[in-house]
């Protein structure tokens, strides 16, 4: 009699777990993690990324490390004086 009760308990637990997994599966199918863009949106995004990349590359060419270090040191000195 005890074995039958344990067996029924296990079956009930397995059924509940299967129902929960089914609900999670359906939820994941209805709201995928990825976004599908149409071709126009994809090409607009590619153009924007390319433009940002070119802007960044041109700024890096003009970037003067020595001037940046000097400005940073001056800023740190000013902050220390204000303490």
Protein backbone atom coordinates (compact mmCIF):
# COMPACT_ATOMS: atom_id res chain seq x y z
CA UNK A 1 0.00 0.00 0.00
CA UNK A 2 2.86 2.38 0.87
CA UNK A 3 4.61 1.65 -2.43
CA UNK A 4 1.45 2.52 -4.36
CA UNK A 5 1.18 5.87 -2.55
CA UNK A 6 4.81 6.69 -3.33
CA UNK A 7 4.29 5.72 -6.96
CA UNK A 8 1.17 7.89 -7.24
CA UNK A 9 3.08 10.78 -5.63
CA UNK A 10 5.92 10.45 -8.14
CA UNK A 11 3.49 10.35 -11.06
CA UNK A 12 1.75 13.50 -9.80
CA UNK A 13 5.09 15.30 -9.38
CA UNK A 14 6.20 14.26 -12.88
CA UNK A 15 2.91 15.45 -14.39
CA UNK A 16 3.24 18.83 -12.65
CA UNK A 17 6.87 19.20 -13.80
CA UNK A 18 5.85 18.33 -17.37
CA UNK A 19 3.07 20.93 -17.29
CA UNK A 20 5.51 23.58 -16.03
CA UNK A 21 8.04 22.69 -18.73
CA UNK A 22 5.31 22.81 -21.39
CA UNK A 23 4.27 26.27 -20.19
CA UNK A 24 7.88 27.48 -20.32
CA UNK A 25 8.32 26.04 -23.81
CA UNK A 26 5.17 27.76 -25.09
CA UNK A 27 6.24 31.02 -23.47
CA UNK A 28 9.67 30.83 -25.10
CA UNK A 29 8.16 30.07 -28.50
CA UNK A 30 5.77 33.02 -28.33
CA UNK A 31 8.46 35.55 -27.38
CA UNK A 32 11.78 34.68 -29.03
CA UNK A 33 15.00 36.20 -27.73
CA UNK A 34 16.10 37.46 -31.12
CA UNK A 35 14.62 40.17 -33.31
CA UNK A 36 14.10 39.74 -37.03
CA UNK A 37 14.57 42.93 -39.02
CA UNK A 38 13.33 43.53 -42.53
CA UNK A 39 15.91 44.28 -45.23
CA UNK A 40 15.35 48.05 -45.14
CA UNK A 41 15.93 48.21 -41.39
CA UNK A 42 18.98 45.96 -41.66
CA UNK A 43 20.54 48.12 -44.34
CA UNK A 44 19.80 51.29 -42.33
CA UNK A 45 21.45 49.75 -39.26
CA UNK A 46 24.47 48.68 -41.33
CA UNK A 47 24.81 52.21 -42.74
CA UNK A 48 24.57 53.70 -39.24
CA UNK A 49 27.17 51.30 -37.82
CA UNK A 50 29.49 51.97 -40.76
CA UNK A 51 29.07 55.71 -40.28
CA UNK A 52 29.80 55.46 -36.55
CA UNK A 53 32.85 53.30 -37.27
CA UNK A 54 34.20 55.82 -39.76
CA UNK A 55 33.59 58.68 -37.30
CA UNK A 56 35.40 56.81 -34.55
CA UNK A 57 38.33 55.95 -36.80
CA UNK A 58 38.69 59.59 -37.89
CA UNK A 59 38.62 60.73 -34.25
CA UNK A 60 41.25 58.17 -33.33
CA UNK A 61 43.53 59.46 -36.09
CA UNK A 62 43.19 63.00 -34.71
CA UNK A 63 43.58 61.87 -31.09
CA UNK A 64 46.73 63.18 -29.46
CA UNK A 65 47.76 61.01 -26.53
CA UNK A 66 50.27 63.50 -25.15
CA UNK A 67 47.70 66.31 -25.12
CA UNK A 68 45.18 63.99 -23.46
CA UNK A 69 47.71 63.02 -20.77
CA UNK A 70 48.54 66.69 -20.15
CA UNK A 71 44.86 67.59 -19.83
CA UNK A 72 44.30 64.64 -17.52
CA UNK A 73 47.24 65.62 -15.29
CA UNK A 74 45.97 69.20 -15.10
CA UNK A 75 42.51 67.95 -14.19
CA UNK A 76 43.90 65.68 -11.47
CA UNK A 77 46.05 68.50 -10.09
CA UNK A 78 43.03 70.80 -9.97
CA UNK A 79 40.97 68.15 -8.17
CA UNK A 80 43.76 67.64 -5.62
CA UNK A 81 43.98 71.41 -5.01
CA UNK A 82 40.21 71.52 -4.46
CA UNK A 83 40.47 68.88 -1.75
